[in-house]
Amino acid sequence: MTVIRFARHGTKKRPVFRIVVQNKTSPRDGKFIEHLGNFAPQAKDAATAHTVDKVRLQYWLGVGAQPSTSVRTHLRGVFAEFRGTPAVATAPPAAQKAEKMAETSADAPKKKTAKKESK
């Protein structure tokens, strides 16, 4: 399976991330299939902070490569065309637990508890 993820480069405390397509089992900074762009979080101007080959990115997404969570978040924040993709809506864990309890109690038949008579 192929994934689109960040590969860290740069010096200590001055990261520059490459957006690469890799095999899922490859290490973060290891062998990659294709280099799609760069992201420099500490760049002075926003124009040089992000460079992505959008055509190749669309190709890899179309072929089935899955972007990592951080790459997906980054692309939604930077490019307007990726903001329209639906995000998975999750409720807070407490609300999920309450919903699950309500469903199980509504679906399950009521149990009758009978006291055992001892003679």
Protein backbone atom coordinates (compact mmCIF):
# COMPACT_ATOMS: atom_id res chain seq x y z
CA MET A 1 0.00 0.00 0.00
CA THR A 2 1.30 3.45 -0.85
CA VAL A 3 1.02 6.46 1.42
CA ILE A 4 1.69 10.17 1.00
CA ARG A 5 3.63 11.46 3.98
CA PHE A 6 6.22 13.93 5.21
CA ALA A 7 9.93 13.09 5.17
CA ARG A 8 11.94 15.34 7.49
CA HIS A 9 15.04 17.09 6.20
CA GLY A 10 16.90 20.24 7.18
CA THR A 11 19.08 20.98 10.14
CA LYS A 12 18.51 20.73 13.85
CA LYS A 13 15.53 22.88 14.90
CA ARG A 14 15.05 24.12 11.30
CA PRO A 15 12.96 21.40 9.64
CA VAL A 16 12.05 21.21 5.99
CA PHE A 17 9.58 18.50 5.10
CA ARG A 18 9.35 16.78 1.74
CA ILE A 19 5.95 15.50 0.69
CA VAL A 20 6.70 12.05 -0.73
CA VAL A 21 4.91 8.91 -1.90
CA GLN A 22 6.24 5.86 -0.10
CA ASN A 23 5.50 2.25 0.55
CA LYS A 24 3.76 2.00 3.92
CA THR A 25 6.51 -0.18 5.38
CA SER A 26 9.35 2.22 4.44
CA PRO A 27 10.90 4.32 7.21
CA ARG A 28 9.92 8.00 7.44
CA ASP A 29 13.13 9.30 5.87
CA GLY A 30 13.83 6.19 3.81
CA LYS A 31 13.30 5.16 0.22
CA PHE A 32 10.46 6.89 -1.59
CA ILE A 33 8.68 6.43 -4.90
CA GLU A 34 8.17 10.07 -5.88
CA HIS A 35 8.83 13.51 -4.43
CA LEU A 36 5.69 15.68 -4.68
CA GLY A 37 6.71 18.90 -2.96
CA ASN A 38 8.16 20.68 0.05
CA PHE A 39 6.88 22.31 3.22
CA ALA A 40 9.08 24.69 5.21
CA PRO A 41 7.21 25.67 8.39
CA GLN A 42 9.75 28.36 9.33
CA ALA A 43 9.88 30.08 5.95
CA LYS A 44 9.59 33.88 5.99
CA ASP A 45 6.93 34.15 3.29
CA ALA A 46 4.01 31.81 2.63
CA ALA A 47 4.72 31.61 -1.11
CA THR A 48 7.97 29.72 -0.61
CA ALA A 49 6.78 27.73 2.40
CA HIS A 50 4.62 25.40 0.29
CA THR A 51 5.44 23.85 -3.05
CA VAL A 52 3.36 20.92 -4.30
CA ASP A 53 2.96 19.38 -7.73
CA LYS A 54 -0.85 19.30 -7.70
CA VAL A 55 -1.16 17.23 -10.88
CA ARG A 56 1.00 14.42 -9.49
CA LEU A 57 -0.73 14.68 -6.12
CA GLN A 58 -4.12 14.20 -7.80
CA TYR A 59 -2.70 11.27 -9.75
CA TRP A 60 -1.49 9.46 -6.64
CA LEU A 61 -4.75 10.14 -4.80
CA GLY A 62 -6.62 8.77 -7.80
CA VAL A 63 -4.48 5.64 -7.90
CA GLY A 64 -5.28 4.95 -4.26
CA ALA A 65 -2.39 6.36 -2.23
CA GLN A 66 -3.61 7.34 1.23
CA PRO A 67 -2.34 10.64 2.70
CA SER A 68 -1.19 10.53 6.29
CA THR A 69 -3.16 12.49 8.86
CA SER A 70 -0.60 15.29 9.00
CA VAL A 71 -0.39 15.61 5.20
CA ARG A 72 -4.19 15.60 4.89
CA THR A 73 -4.48 18.35 7.52
CA HIS A 74 -1.72 20.36 5.87
CA LEU A 75 -3.31 20.13 2.41
CA ARG A 76 -6.72 21.16 3.72
CA GLY A 77 -5.20 24.19 5.42
CA VAL A 78 -3.21 25.32 2.39
CA PHE A 79 -5.16 24.45 -0.75
CA ALA A 80 -8.80 25.40 -1.24
CA GLU A 81 -9.54 22.40 -3.48
CA PHE A 82 -8.76 20.00 -0.62
CA ARG A 83 -11.05 21.75 1.87
CA GLY A 84 -14.14 20.28 0.25
CA THR A 85 -13.17 16.71 1.04
CA PRO A 86 -15.37 15.34 3.80
CA ALA A 87 -13.76 14.98 7.18
CA VAL A 88 -14.66 12.11 9.43
CA ALA A 89 -16.87 13.55 12.13
CA THR A 90 -16.38 11.97 15.49
CA ALA A 91 -18.17 12.77 18.68
CA PRO A 92 -16.29 13.12 21.95
CA PRO A 93 -15.66 9.77 23.68
CA ALA A 94 -18.16 10.52 26.46
CA ALA A 95 -20.91 11.22 23.92
CA GLN A 96 -20.05 8.05 21.98
CA LYS A 97 -20.26 6.00 25.17
CA ALA A 98 -23.62 7.55 26.08
CA GLU A 99 -24.99 6.83 22.59
CA LYS A 100 -23.79 3.25 22.73
CA MET A 101 -25.36 2.72 26.15
CA ALA A 102 -28.65 4.20 24.92
CA GLU A 103 -28.66 1.95 21.85
CA THR A 104 -27.92 -1.21 23.78
CA SER A 105 -30.50 -0.47 26.46
CA ALA A 106 -33.18 0.36 23.87
CA ASP A 107 -32.49 -2.71 21.74
CA ALA A 108 -32.05 -5.25 24.50
CA PRO A 109 -35.18 -6.82 26.02
CA LYS A 110 -35.81 -6.10 29.65
CA LYS A 111 -34.63 -8.84 31.96
CA LYS A 112 -36.92 -9.92 34.72
CA THR A 113 -35.22 -10.62 37.95
CA ALA A 114 -36.94 -13.12 40.13
CA LYS A 115 -35.98 -13.83 43.65
CA LYS A 116 -35.24 -17.42 44.40
CA GLU A 117 -37.29 -18.84 47.19
CA SER A 118 -35.44 -21.03 49.55
CA LYS A 119 -37.44 -23.76 51.33
